[in-house]
Amino acid sequence: MSKIRKISAVIMALVLVMCVGYFSLMSTTSAWFYNSGVIDSGDTFIFGDLSVDTSFNTKSKVVFNGATKFADKDEVLFDKVVNVEEISVYNSGTIPARIYADAVNTGSGEGFRWFFFSDATAVDGSVKKTIEASLPELTDEALNAYNVGEDGNSGHYILLNPGEITTVKIASWIEYDEVKDELKGSATLDSYDIEFTLISTQDVDGAAER
């Protein structure tokens, strides 16, 4: 009986050592990830220690001054009719974070499109030029891949280090081809209730969940 106890004790010791070794190799950001709360103050998004559900959400009634075609490189009025939401983002935590965006039209208007960027990627202060520089081609497929990725849970993100603050921007517009028939009847572009969302995650692929 004592011999069996000694063997069992050795086995348990080995299991314990293996468990300790396994956990010590895990990423620290994966081991202690938790949510310390979010402060939503108007157009400011402040977060500390993160979890994948740390997010900022705001709803706006957006009235567009006109429709446009983002795929038309000769369109000179794009920046005149595009709407740009600006949100101040502050990482008060101790680890780097990725900021993803989403924009959903919950109203009845057609042709809604959006694009996520910051001043760091802006070109000559123009949304149109920034889009052209960011996409491999000016198509809806390329725009969607840029915004939310092929899987709908990734896409373009802005990296924010601990203690950093920046202003992120979500540009939106209405595609002319999808509303031109309505506009002939003197319709207005005011039936757009837009829900804007920012999602903060740890700086690893696959952490975003929309």
N, C-alpha and C. Protein backbone atom coordinates (compact mmCIF):
# COMPACT_ATOMS: atom_id res chain seq x y z
N MET A 1 0.83 -1.21 0.00
CA MET A 1 0.00 0.00 0.00
C MET A 1 0.87 1.26 0.00
N SER A 2 1.93 1.28 0.81
CA SER A 2 2.81 2.45 0.87
C SER A 2 3.50 2.68 -0.46
N LYS A 3 3.81 1.56 -1.16
CA LYS A 3 4.45 1.68 -2.46
C LYS A 3 3.53 2.38 -3.46
N ILE A 4 2.22 2.03 -3.40
CA ILE A 4 1.24 2.67 -4.29
C ILE A 4 1.13 4.15 -3.98
N ARG A 5 1.15 4.50 -2.67
CA ARG A 5 1.06 5.91 -2.28
C ARG A 5 2.24 6.69 -2.82
N LYS A 6 3.44 6.09 -2.75
CA LYS A 6 4.64 6.78 -3.23
C LYS A 6 4.54 7.03 -4.74
N ILE A 7 4.07 6.04 -5.50
CA ILE A 7 3.93 6.20 -6.95
C ILE A 7 2.91 7.29 -7.27
N SER A 8 1.78 7.28 -6.54
CA SER A 8 0.74 8.29 -6.75
C SER A 8 1.27 9.69 -6.46
N ALA A 9 2.06 9.81 -5.40
CA ALA A 9 2.63 11.11 -5.03
C ALA A 9 3.55 11.62 -6.12
N VAL A 10 4.34 10.75 -6.72
CA VAL A 10 5.25 11.15 -7.81
C VAL A 10 4.45 11.60 -9.02
N ILE A 11 3.40 10.85 -9.36
CA ILE A 11 2.56 11.21 -10.51
C ILE A 11 1.91 12.56 -10.31
N MET A 12 1.36 12.80 -9.12
CA MET A 12 0.70 14.08 -8.83
C MET A 12 1.69 15.24 -8.90
N ALA A 13 2.90 15.00 -8.45
CA ALA A 13 3.92 16.04 -8.51
C ALA A 13 4.24 16.39 -9.95
N LEU A 14 4.32 15.37 -10.82
CA LEU A 14 4.60 15.62 -12.23
C LEU A 14 3.45 16.37 -12.90
N VAL A 15 2.22 16.01 -12.58
CA VAL A 15 1.06 16.70 -13.13
C VAL A 15 1.06 18.16 -12.70
N LEU A 16 1.38 18.42 -11.46
CA LEU A 16 1.43 19.78 -10.94
C LEU A 16 2.49 20.60 -11.67
N VAL A 17 3.65 20.01 -11.86
CA VAL A 17 4.73 20.71 -12.56
C VAL A 17 4.32 21.02 -13.99
N MET A 18 3.67 20.06 -14.66
CA MET A 18 3.25 20.29 -16.03
C MET A 18 2.21 21.38 -16.12
N CYS A 19 1.28 21.41 -15.17
CA CYS A 19 0.24 22.46 -15.17
C CYS A 19 0.85 23.83 -14.96
N VAL A 20 1.75 23.95 -14.01
CA VAL A 20 2.41 25.22 -13.74
C VAL A 20 3.20 25.68 -14.95
N GLY A 21 3.89 24.73 -15.60
CA GLY A 21 4.67 25.07 -16.79
C GLY A 21 3.79 25.55 -17.92
N TYR A 22 2.63 24.92 -18.12
CA TYR A 22 1.71 25.29 -19.19
C TYR A 22 1.18 26.71 -18.99
N PHE A 23 0.71 27.00 -17.79
CA PHE A 23 0.14 28.32 -17.54
C PHE A 23 1.19 29.42 -17.57
N SER A 24 2.40 29.08 -17.21
CA SER A 24 3.45 30.11 -17.22
C SER A 24 3.83 30.51 -18.64
N LEU A 25 3.47 29.67 -19.62
CA LEU A 25 3.79 29.99 -21.01
C LEU A 25 2.67 30.77 -21.70
N MET A 26 1.53 30.92 -21.04
CA MET A 26 0.42 31.65 -21.64
C MET A 26 0.71 33.14 -21.72
N SER A 27 0.13 33.79 -22.72
CA SER A 27 0.26 35.23 -22.83
C SER A 27 -0.37 35.90 -21.61
N THR A 28 0.31 36.86 -21.04
CA THR A 28 -0.22 37.54 -19.85
C THR A 28 -1.52 38.26 -20.16
N THR A 29 -1.65 38.78 -21.39
CA THR A 29 -2.88 39.50 -21.73
C THR A 29 -4.05 38.55 -21.88
N SER A 30 -3.78 37.27 -22.14
CA SER A 30 -4.86 36.30 -22.24
C SER A 30 -5.24 35.77 -20.87
N ALA A 31 -4.27 35.72 -19.96
CA ALA A 31 -4.49 35.09 -18.65
C ALA A 31 -5.31 35.95 -17.71
N TRP A 32 -5.15 37.29 -17.80
CA TRP A 32 -5.84 38.12 -16.81
C TRP A 32 -6.75 39.17 -17.44
N PHE A 33 -7.26 38.85 -18.62
CA PHE A 33 -8.11 39.80 -19.32
C PHE A 33 -9.43 39.99 -18.59
N TYR A 34 -9.80 41.22 -18.29
CA TYR A 34 -11.07 41.47 -17.62
C TYR A 34 -11.54 42.89 -17.93
N ASN A 35 -12.77 43.18 -17.60
CA ASN A 35 -13.39 44.46 -17.91
C ASN A 35 -13.50 45.32 -16.66
N SER A 36 -12.93 46.52 -16.71
CA SER A 36 -13.02 47.40 -15.54
C SER A 36 -14.03 48.52 -15.75
N GLY A 37 -14.81 48.41 -16.81
CA GLY A 37 -15.87 49.39 -17.02
C GLY A 37 -15.60 50.35 -18.15
N VAL A 38 -16.65 50.91 -18.68
CA VAL A 38 -16.57 51.84 -19.80
C VAL A 38 -17.31 53.11 -19.44
N ILE A 39 -16.74 54.24 -19.80
CA ILE A 39 -17.39 55.53 -19.59
C ILE A 39 -17.80 56.07 -20.95
N ASP A 40 -19.08 56.20 -21.17
CA ASP A 40 -19.60 56.77 -22.42
C ASP A 40 -20.04 58.20 -22.13
N SER A 41 -19.24 59.15 -22.56
CA SER A 41 -19.54 60.55 -22.29
C SER A 41 -19.64 61.32 -23.60
N GLY A 42 -20.82 61.27 -24.20
CA GLY A 42 -21.01 61.98 -25.46
C GLY A 42 -20.18 61.37 -26.56
N ASP A 43 -19.18 62.09 -27.02
CA ASP A 43 -18.36 61.61 -28.13
C ASP A 43 -16.99 61.15 -27.65
N THR A 44 -16.90 60.70 -26.41
CA THR A 44 -15.63 60.22 -25.86
C THR A 44 -15.75 58.77 -25.42
N PHE A 45 -14.75 57.97 -25.77
CA PHE A 45 -14.72 56.56 -25.40
C PHE A 45 -13.47 56.32 -24.57
N ILE A 46 -13.65 56.05 -23.26
CA ILE A 46 -12.54 55.82 -22.34
C ILE A 46 -12.61 54.38 -21.86
N PHE A 47 -11.51 53.67 -21.93
CA PHE A 47 -11.50 52.30 -21.42
C PHE A 47 -10.20 52.03 -20.68
N GLY A 48 -10.26 51.08 -19.76
CA GLY A 48 -9.07 50.69 -19.01
C GLY A 48 -8.68 49.28 -19.35
N ASP A 49 -8.68 48.37 -18.39
CA ASP A 49 -8.40 46.98 -18.68
C ASP A 49 -9.53 46.44 -19.54
N LEU A 50 -9.16 45.64 -20.53
CA LEU A 50 -10.10 45.31 -21.59
C LEU A 50 -10.73 43.94 -21.49
N SER A 51 -11.89 43.81 -22.10
CA SER A 51 -12.43 42.51 -22.45
C SER A 51 -12.97 42.66 -23.86
N VAL A 52 -13.26 41.56 -24.53
CA VAL A 52 -13.66 41.68 -25.93
C VAL A 52 -15.02 42.34 -26.10
N ASP A 53 -15.77 42.54 -25.00
CA ASP A 53 -17.06 43.20 -25.13
C ASP A 53 -17.02 44.67 -24.70
N THR A 54 -15.83 45.23 -24.55
CA THR A 54 -15.71 46.64 -24.20
C THR A 54 -15.99 47.47 -25.44
N SER A 55 -17.08 48.22 -25.44
CA SER A 55 -17.44 48.93 -26.66
C SER A 55 -18.13 50.25 -26.36
N PHE A 56 -18.17 51.10 -27.39
CA PHE A 56 -18.83 52.40 -27.34
C PHE A 56 -19.93 52.38 -28.39
N ASN A 57 -21.10 52.89 -28.05
CA ASN A 57 -22.21 52.85 -28.99
C ASN A 57 -22.97 54.17 -28.94
N THR A 58 -23.26 54.72 -30.10
CA THR A 58 -24.05 55.95 -30.15
C THR A 58 -24.93 55.91 -31.39
N LYS A 59 -26.10 56.51 -31.30
CA LYS A 59 -27.04 56.54 -32.42
C LYS A 59 -27.25 57.99 -32.86
N SER A 60 -27.24 58.19 -34.16
CA SER A 60 -27.38 59.55 -34.68
C SER A 60 -28.38 59.59 -35.83
N LYS A 61 -29.09 60.67 -35.92
CA LYS A 61 -29.95 60.96 -37.07
C LYS A 61 -29.09 61.75 -38.04
N VAL A 62 -28.73 61.13 -39.16
CA VAL A 62 -27.82 61.77 -40.11
C VAL A 62 -28.60 62.25 -41.32
N VAL A 63 -28.46 63.53 -41.63
CA VAL A 63 -29.07 64.11 -42.82
C VAL A 63 -27.95 64.41 -43.82
N PHE A 64 -28.00 63.75 -44.96
CA PHE A 64 -26.96 63.95 -45.97
C PHE A 64 -27.37 65.06 -46.94
N ASN A 65 -26.38 65.87 -47.33
CA ASN A 65 -26.64 67.00 -48.22
C ASN A 65 -26.78 66.59 -49.67
N GLY A 66 -26.36 65.38 -49.99
CA GLY A 66 -26.45 64.91 -51.36
C GLY A 66 -25.91 63.51 -51.48
N ALA A 67 -26.13 62.89 -52.62
CA ALA A 67 -25.61 61.55 -52.88
C ALA A 67 -24.37 61.65 -53.76
N THR A 68 -23.59 60.60 -53.78
CA THR A 68 -22.33 60.64 -54.51
C THR A 68 -21.95 59.23 -54.97
N LYS A 69 -20.82 59.12 -55.66
CA LYS A 69 -20.30 57.83 -56.11
C LYS A 69 -18.84 57.72 -55.68
N PHE A 70 -18.54 56.87 -54.69
CA PHE A 70 -17.17 56.81 -54.22
C PHE A 70 -16.25 56.14 -55.24
N ALA A 71 -16.82 55.34 -56.17
CA ALA A 71 -15.99 54.66 -57.17
C ALA A 71 -15.61 55.57 -58.34
N ASP A 72 -16.21 56.74 -58.42
CA ASP A 72 -15.92 57.69 -59.49
C ASP A 72 -14.75 58.57 -59.08
N LYS A 73 -13.60 58.34 -59.67
CA LYS A 73 -12.40 59.10 -59.31
C LYS A 73 -12.49 60.56 -59.74
N ASP A 74 -13.42 60.87 -60.62
CA ASP A 74 -13.58 62.26 -61.08
C ASP A 74 -14.63 63.01 -60.27
N GLU A 75 -15.21 62.38 -59.28
CA GLU A 75 -16.21 63.03 -58.43
C GLU A 75 -15.53 64.07 -57.54
N VAL A 76 -15.82 65.34 -57.76
CA VAL A 76 -15.12 66.41 -57.05
C VAL A 76 -15.91 66.91 -55.84
N LEU A 77 -17.18 66.47 -55.69
CA LEU A 77 -18.00 66.95 -54.59
C LEU A 77 -18.13 65.94 -53.46
N PHE A 78 -17.39 64.84 -53.53
CA PHE A 78 -17.50 63.79 -52.51
C PHE A 78 -17.30 64.35 -51.11
N ASP A 79 -16.24 65.11 -50.91
CA ASP A 79 -15.93 65.65 -49.58
C ASP A 79 -16.93 66.71 -49.13
N LYS A 80 -17.75 67.20 -50.05
CA LYS A 80 -18.76 68.19 -49.69
C LYS A 80 -20.00 67.54 -49.06
N VAL A 81 -20.28 66.30 -49.46
CA VAL A 81 -21.51 65.66 -49.00
C VAL A 81 -21.27 64.52 -48.01
N VAL A 82 -20.02 64.13 -47.80
CA VAL A 82 -19.72 63.04 -46.87
C VAL A 82 -19.94 63.52 -45.43
N ASN A 83 -20.45 62.63 -44.58
CA ASN A 83 -20.63 62.91 -43.16
C ASN A 83 -19.48 62.26 -42.39
N VAL A 84 -18.90 62.96 -41.43
CA VAL A 84 -17.78 62.41 -40.66
C VAL A 84 -18.09 62.53 -39.17
N GLU A 85 -18.19 61.37 -38.51
CA GLU A 85 -18.35 61.32 -37.06
C GLU A 85 -16.96 61.24 -36.43
N GLU A 86 -16.68 62.09 -35.45
CA GLU A 86 -15.39 62.09 -34.76
C GLU A 86 -15.58 61.69 -33.30
N ILE A 87 -14.81 60.70 -32.86
CA ILE A 87 -14.93 60.19 -31.50
C ILE A 87 -13.55 60.17 -30.86
N SER A 88 -13.42 60.82 -29.70
CA SER A 88 -12.16 60.83 -28.96
C SER A 88 -12.02 59.51 -28.21
N VAL A 89 -10.86 58.86 -28.35
CA VAL A 89 -10.63 57.56 -27.74
C VAL A 89 -9.38 57.62 -26.87
N TYR A 90 -9.51 57.16 -25.63
CA TYR A 90 -8.41 57.21 -24.67
C TYR A 90 -8.18 55.84 -24.04
N ASN A 91 -6.97 55.34 -24.14
CA ASN A 91 -6.61 54.07 -23.51
C ASN A 91 -6.00 54.36 -22.15
N SER A 92 -6.79 54.19 -21.09
CA SER A 92 -6.31 54.46 -19.74
C SER A 92 -5.73 53.22 -19.08
N GLY A 93 -5.63 52.13 -19.84
CA GLY A 93 -5.14 50.88 -19.29
C GLY A 93 -3.63 50.73 -19.39
N THR A 94 -3.18 49.49 -19.27
CA THR A 94 -1.74 49.21 -19.24
C THR A 94 -1.28 48.33 -20.37
N ILE A 95 -2.17 48.00 -21.33
CA ILE A 95 -1.78 47.17 -22.47
C ILE A 95 -2.26 47.82 -23.76
N PRO A 96 -1.57 47.56 -24.88
CA PRO A 96 -2.01 48.11 -26.17
C PRO A 96 -3.39 47.57 -26.54
N ALA A 97 -4.15 48.35 -27.27
CA ALA A 97 -5.50 47.94 -27.67
C ALA A 97 -5.76 48.29 -29.13
N ARG A 98 -6.56 47.46 -29.75
CA ARG A 98 -7.02 47.74 -31.11
C ARG A 98 -8.43 48.34 -31.03
N ILE A 99 -8.69 49.32 -31.88
CA ILE A 99 -10.01 49.91 -31.97
C ILE A 99 -10.59 49.59 -33.35
N TYR A 100 -11.69 48.84 -33.36
CA TYR A 100 -12.42 48.53 -34.58
C TYR A 100 -13.70 49.37 -34.60
N ALA A 101 -14.33 49.48 -35.76
CA ALA A 101 -15.55 50.27 -35.87
C ALA A 101 -16.63 49.51 -36.62
N ASP A 102 -17.86 49.96 -36.42
CA ASP A 102 -18.99 49.43 -37.17
C ASP A 102 -20.02 50.55 -37.31
N ALA A 103 -20.76 50.54 -38.38
CA ALA A 103 -21.81 51.53 -38.61
C ALA A 103 -22.97 50.85 -39.32
N VAL A 104 -24.15 50.93 -38.73
CA VAL A 104 -25.32 50.24 -39.27
C VAL A 104 -26.45 51.23 -39.48
N ASN A 105 -27.05 51.19 -40.66
CA ASN A 105 -28.20 52.02 -40.96
C ASN A 105 -29.47 51.30 -40.51
N THR A 106 -30.10 51.80 -39.46
CA THR A 106 -31.33 51.20 -38.97
C THR A 106 -32.56 51.94 -39.49
N GLY A 107 -32.35 52.97 -40.31
CA GLY A 107 -33.46 53.72 -40.89
C GLY A 107 -33.92 53.12 -42.20
N SER A 108 -34.74 53.87 -42.93
CA SER A 108 -35.34 53.35 -44.17
C SER A 108 -34.60 53.77 -45.43
N GLY A 109 -33.60 54.61 -45.29
CA GLY A 109 -32.88 55.08 -46.46
C GLY A 109 -31.99 54.02 -47.08
N GLU A 110 -31.77 54.14 -48.38
CA GLU A 110 -30.93 53.19 -49.12
C GLU A 110 -29.56 53.79 -49.40
N GLY A 111 -28.61 52.93 -49.80
CA GLY A 111 -27.32 53.38 -50.32
C GLY A 111 -26.28 53.77 -49.30
N PHE A 112 -26.49 53.42 -48.03
CA PHE A 112 -25.55 53.84 -46.97
C PHE A 112 -24.22 53.11 -47.09
N ARG A 113 -23.13 53.87 -46.98
CA ARG A 113 -21.77 53.31 -46.98
C ARG A 113 -20.96 54.02 -45.88
N TRP A 114 -19.89 53.36 -45.39
CA TRP A 114 -19.06 53.99 -44.37
C TRP A 114 -17.61 53.54 -44.50
N PHE A 115 -16.73 54.32 -43.82
CA PHE A 115 -15.29 54.11 -43.92
C PHE A 115 -14.64 54.59 -42.63
N PHE A 116 -13.77 53.75 -42.04
CA PHE A 116 -13.16 54.01 -40.73
C PHE A 116 -11.70 54.45 -40.91
N PHE A 117 -11.32 55.58 -40.28
CA PHE A 117 -9.95 56.06 -40.42
C PHE A 117 -9.61 57.02 -39.28
N SER A 118 -8.40 57.56 -39.32
CA SER A 118 -7.96 58.57 -38.36
C SER A 118 -7.06 59.56 -39.09
N ASP A 119 -6.68 60.62 -38.40
CA ASP A 119 -5.80 61.62 -39.03
C ASP A 119 -4.47 61.01 -39.44
N ALA A 120 -4.05 59.95 -38.75
CA ALA A 120 -2.76 59.32 -39.06
C ALA A 120 -2.75 58.72 -40.46
N THR A 121 -3.92 58.31 -40.96
CA THR A 121 -3.99 57.70 -42.29
C THR A 121 -4.61 58.65 -43.32
N ALA A 122 -5.04 59.83 -42.89
CA ALA A 122 -5.70 60.76 -43.80
C ALA A 122 -4.72 61.30 -44.84
N VAL A 123 -5.23 61.56 -46.03
CA VAL A 123 -4.41 62.07 -47.14
C VAL A 123 -4.91 63.46 -47.53
N ASP A 124 -4.09 64.46 -47.31
CA ASP A 124 -4.40 65.85 -47.71
C ASP A 124 -5.73 66.34 -47.14
N GLY A 125 -6.12 65.83 -45.99
CA GLY A 125 -7.36 66.26 -45.38
C GLY A 125 -8.61 65.89 -46.16
N SER A 126 -8.49 64.94 -47.09
CA SER A 126 -9.61 64.55 -47.95
C SER A 126 -10.04 63.12 -47.66
N VAL A 127 -11.34 62.92 -47.40
CA VAL A 127 -11.85 61.56 -47.19
C VAL A 127 -11.74 60.77 -48.49
N LYS A 128 -12.05 61.40 -49.60
CA LYS A 128 -11.99 60.73 -50.90
C LYS A 128 -10.59 60.21 -51.19
N LYS A 129 -9.57 61.06 -51.00
CA LYS A 129 -8.19 60.64 -51.25
C LYS A 129 -7.75 59.56 -50.27
N THR A 130 -8.23 59.64 -49.04
CA THR A 130 -7.88 58.64 -48.03
C THR A 130 -8.46 57.28 -48.40
N ILE A 131 -9.69 57.26 -48.90
CA ILE A 131 -10.30 56.01 -49.34
C ILE A 131 -9.53 55.43 -50.51
N GLU A 132 -9.19 56.27 -51.47
CA GLU A 132 -8.46 55.80 -52.66
C GLU A 132 -7.10 55.21 -52.27
N ALA A 133 -6.46 55.82 -51.25
CA ALA A 133 -5.15 55.34 -50.84
C ALA A 133 -5.24 54.08 -49.97
N SER A 134 -6.41 53.81 -49.41
CA SER A 134 -6.56 52.70 -48.46
C SER A 134 -7.08 51.42 -49.10
N LEU A 135 -7.76 51.54 -50.22
CA LEU A 135 -8.36 50.37 -50.86
C LEU A 135 -7.60 49.96 -52.11
N PRO A 136 -7.50 48.66 -52.38
CA PRO A 136 -6.83 48.22 -53.60
C PRO A 136 -7.62 48.57 -54.85
N GLU A 137 -8.95 48.70 -54.70
CA GLU A 137 -9.83 49.11 -55.79
C GLU A 137 -11.10 49.71 -55.18
N LEU A 138 -11.74 50.58 -55.93
CA LEU A 138 -12.92 51.28 -55.42
C LEU A 138 -14.19 50.47 -55.71
N THR A 139 -14.37 49.39 -54.94
CA THR A 139 -15.54 48.55 -55.07
C THR A 139 -16.15 48.32 -53.69
N ASP A 140 -17.43 47.91 -53.67
CA ASP A 140 -18.08 47.61 -52.40
C ASP A 140 -17.39 46.44 -51.69
N GLU A 141 -16.91 45.47 -52.47
CA GLU A 141 -16.23 44.32 -51.89
C GLU A 141 -14.96 44.75 -51.16
N ALA A 142 -14.18 45.63 -51.80
CA ALA A 142 -12.94 46.11 -51.18
C ALA A 142 -13.23 46.97 -49.96
N LEU A 143 -14.31 47.77 -50.03
CA LEU A 143 -14.69 48.62 -48.91
C LEU A 143 -15.11 47.77 -47.71
N ASN A 144 -15.92 46.74 -47.95
CA ASN A 144 -16.37 45.87 -46.86
C ASN A 144 -15.21 45.10 -46.24
N ALA A 145 -14.28 44.64 -47.09
CA ALA A 145 -13.11 43.91 -46.58
C ALA A 145 -12.26 44.83 -45.71
N TYR A 146 -12.15 46.09 -46.10
CA TYR A 146 -11.39 47.06 -45.32
C TYR A 146 -12.08 47.33 -43.99
N ASN A 147 -13.39 47.55 -44.00
CA ASN A 147 -14.12 47.92 -42.80
C ASN A 147 -14.26 46.79 -41.79
N VAL A 148 -14.68 45.61 -42.25
CA VAL A 148 -14.99 44.52 -41.32
C VAL A 148 -14.27 43.21 -41.62
N GLY A 149 -13.44 43.18 -42.67
CA GLY A 149 -12.70 41.97 -42.98
C GLY A 149 -13.54 40.95 -43.73
N GLU A 150 -12.88 39.92 -44.24
CA GLU A 150 -13.57 38.87 -44.98
C GLU A 150 -14.54 38.10 -44.09
N ASP A 151 -14.22 38.00 -42.79
CA ASP A 151 -15.06 37.22 -41.87
C ASP A 151 -16.09 38.07 -41.14
N GLY A 152 -16.07 39.38 -41.37
CA GLY A 152 -17.02 40.26 -40.70
C GLY A 152 -16.65 40.61 -39.27
N ASN A 153 -15.53 40.07 -38.77
CA ASN A 153 -15.10 40.32 -37.38
C ASN A 153 -13.68 40.87 -37.28
N SER A 154 -13.18 41.42 -38.37
CA SER A 154 -11.82 41.97 -38.31
C SER A 154 -11.82 43.31 -39.04
N GLY A 155 -11.05 43.44 -40.10
CA GLY A 155 -11.01 44.68 -40.84
C GLY A 155 -9.99 45.67 -40.28
N HIS A 156 -10.11 46.90 -40.74
CA HIS A 156 -9.17 47.95 -40.35
C HIS A 156 -9.31 48.28 -38.87
N TYR A 157 -8.17 48.47 -38.21
CA TYR A 157 -8.21 48.88 -36.81
C TYR A 157 -7.15 49.95 -36.56
N ILE A 158 -7.34 50.67 -35.45
CA ILE A 158 -6.38 51.69 -35.03
C ILE A 158 -5.77 51.23 -33.72
N LEU A 159 -4.45 51.15 -33.68
CA LEU A 159 -3.74 50.68 -32.48
C LEU A 159 -3.52 51.85 -31.53
N LEU A 160 -3.89 51.62 -30.26
CA LEU A 160 -3.75 52.66 -29.24
C LEU A 160 -2.94 52.10 -28.08
N ASN A 161 -1.80 52.69 -27.82
CA ASN A 161 -0.94 52.23 -26.73
C ASN A 161 -1.43 52.79 -25.39
N PRO A 162 -0.99 52.20 -24.27
CA PRO A 162 -1.41 52.68 -22.95
C PRO A 162 -1.13 54.18 -22.78
N GLY A 163 -2.12 54.91 -22.29
CA GLY A 163 -1.95 56.33 -22.05
C GLY A 163 -2.16 57.21 -23.26
N GLU A 164 -2.38 56.62 -24.42
CA GLU A 164 -2.56 57.41 -25.64
C GLU A 164 -4.02 57.83 -25.83
N ILE A 165 -4.19 58.98 -26.45
CA ILE A 165 -5.51 59.46 -26.82
C ILE A 165 -5.47 59.88 -28.28
N THR A 166 -6.53 59.58 -29.01
CA THR A 166 -6.59 59.96 -30.42
C THR A 166 -8.04 60.19 -30.80
N THR A 167 -8.24 60.73 -31.98
CA THR A 167 -9.59 60.92 -32.50
C THR A 167 -9.78 60.01 -33.70
N VAL A 168 -10.73 59.11 -33.61
CA VAL A 168 -11.04 58.23 -34.73
C VAL A 168 -12.23 58.80 -35.49
N LYS A 169 -12.34 58.43 -36.75
CA LYS A 169 -13.37 59.02 -37.61
C LYS A 169 -14.10 57.94 -38.41
N ILE A 170 -15.41 58.10 -38.50
CA ILE A 170 -16.22 57.22 -39.34
C ILE A 170 -16.91 58.09 -40.38
N ALA A 171 -16.45 57.96 -41.61
CA ALA A 171 -17.06 58.71 -42.71
C ALA A 171 -18.21 57.91 -43.29
N SER A 172 -19.30 58.59 -43.67
CA SER A 172 -20.42 57.89 -44.28
C SER A 172 -21.02 58.74 -45.39
N TRP A 173 -21.62 58.07 -46.36
CA TRP A 173 -22.20 58.76 -47.50
C TRP A 173 -23.29 57.89 -48.11
N ILE A 174 -24.00 58.44 -49.11
CA ILE A 174 -25.07 57.73 -49.79
C ILE A 174 -24.68 57.54 -51.26
N GLU A 175 -24.76 56.30 -51.73
CA GLU A 175 -24.44 55.98 -53.11
C GLU A 175 -25.59 56.42 -54.03
N TYR A 176 -25.23 57.25 -54.99
CA TYR A 176 -26.23 57.87 -55.88
C TYR A 176 -27.06 56.84 -56.65
N ASP A 177 -26.42 55.81 -57.19
CA ASP A 177 -27.13 54.85 -58.02
C ASP A 177 -28.28 54.16 -57.29
N GLU A 178 -28.21 54.08 -55.96
CA GLU A 178 -29.24 53.38 -55.20
C GLU A 178 -30.40 54.29 -54.78
N VAL A 179 -30.25 55.60 -54.97
CA VAL A 179 -31.32 56.52 -54.55
C VAL A 179 -31.74 57.48 -55.67
N LYS A 180 -31.16 57.35 -56.85
CA LYS A 180 -31.41 58.34 -57.90
C LYS A 180 -32.89 58.41 -58.32
N ASP A 181 -33.58 57.29 -58.29
CA ASP A 181 -35.00 57.32 -58.68
C ASP A 181 -35.83 58.08 -57.66
N GLU A 182 -35.52 57.89 -56.37
CA GLU A 182 -36.25 58.61 -55.32
C GLU A 182 -35.95 60.11 -55.38
N LEU A 183 -34.71 60.46 -55.67
CA LEU A 183 -34.32 61.87 -55.68
C LEU A 183 -34.98 62.63 -56.83
N LYS A 184 -35.36 61.94 -57.89
CA LYS A 184 -36.04 62.60 -59.00
C LYS A 184 -37.40 63.14 -58.55
N GLY A 185 -37.95 62.52 -57.52
CA GLY A 185 -39.23 62.99 -57.00
C GLY A 185 -39.07 63.98 -55.88
N SER A 186 -37.97 64.70 -55.85
CA SER A 186 -37.63 65.71 -54.85
C SER A 186 -37.59 65.15 -53.43
N ALA A 187 -37.21 63.88 -53.30
CA ALA A 187 -37.06 63.27 -51.98
C ALA A 187 -35.83 63.85 -51.28
N THR A 188 -35.81 63.74 -49.97
CA THR A 188 -34.66 64.22 -49.20
C THR A 188 -33.89 63.04 -48.62
N LEU A 189 -32.63 63.29 -48.28
CA LEU A 189 -31.77 62.24 -47.74
C LEU A 189 -31.71 62.37 -46.21
N ASP A 190 -32.86 62.20 -45.56
CA ASP A 190 -32.91 62.39 -44.12
C ASP A 190 -33.46 61.18 -43.37
N SER A 191 -33.66 60.06 -44.06
CA SER A 191 -34.24 58.88 -43.41
C SER A 191 -33.16 57.89 -42.97
N TYR A 192 -32.12 58.44 -42.36
CA TYR A 192 -30.98 57.59 -41.97
C TYR A 192 -30.74 57.69 -40.46
N ASP A 193 -31.09 56.62 -39.77
CA ASP A 193 -30.80 56.50 -38.34
C ASP A 193 -29.61 55.56 -38.23
N ILE A 194 -28.46 56.11 -37.88
CA ILE A 194 -27.21 55.35 -37.93
C ILE A 194 -26.74 55.00 -36.52
N GLU A 195 -26.38 53.76 -36.35
CA GLU A 195 -25.82 53.29 -35.08
C GLU A 195 -24.31 53.09 -35.27
N PHE A 196 -23.53 53.92 -34.60
CA PHE A 196 -22.07 53.85 -34.68
C PHE A 196 -21.53 53.10 -33.47
N THR A 197 -20.59 52.19 -33.71
CA THR A 197 -20.02 51.39 -32.63
C THR A 197 -18.51 51.34 -32.75
N LEU A 198 -17.82 51.49 -31.61
CA LEU A 198 -16.38 51.23 -31.53
C LEU A 198 -16.18 50.03 -30.63
N ILE A 199 -15.27 49.15 -31.03
CA ILE A 199 -14.98 47.94 -30.28
C ILE A 199 -13.50 47.94 -29.92
N SER A 200 -13.18 47.81 -28.63
CA SER A 200 -11.77 47.75 -28.21
C SER A 200 -11.42 46.31 -27.83
N THR A 201 -10.28 45.85 -28.32
CA THR A 201 -9.83 44.49 -28.01
C THR A 201 -8.34 44.51 -27.70
N GLN A 202 -7.84 43.39 -27.21
CA GLN A 202 -6.40 43.25 -27.05
C GLN A 202 -5.76 43.22 -28.43
N ASP A 203 -4.47 43.43 -28.49
CA ASP A 203 -3.75 43.54 -29.76
C ASP A 203 -3.39 42.16 -30.31
N VAL A 204 -4.41 41.37 -30.62
CA VAL A 204 -4.21 40.05 -31.26
C VAL A 204 -5.30 39.83 -32.28
N ASP A 205 -5.00 39.06 -33.32
CA ASP A 205 -5.99 38.74 -34.33
C ASP A 205 -7.09 37.87 -33.74
N GLY A 206 -8.31 38.08 -34.20
CA GLY A 206 -9.42 37.23 -33.77
C GLY A 206 -10.12 37.66 -32.52
N ALA A 207 -9.70 38.76 -31.90
CA ALA A 207 -10.32 39.19 -30.65
C ALA A 207 -11.60 39.95 -30.84
N ALA A 208 -11.80 40.55 -32.02
CA ALA A 208 -13.00 41.35 -32.26
C ALA A 208 -14.22 40.47 -32.49
N GLU A 209 -15.33 40.85 -31.88
CA GLU A 209 -16.60 40.17 -32.09
C GLU A 209 -17.67 41.23 -32.34
N ARG A 210 -18.23 41.25 -33.52
CA ARG A 210 -19.23 42.26 -33.86
C ARG A 210 -20.64 41.73 -33.62
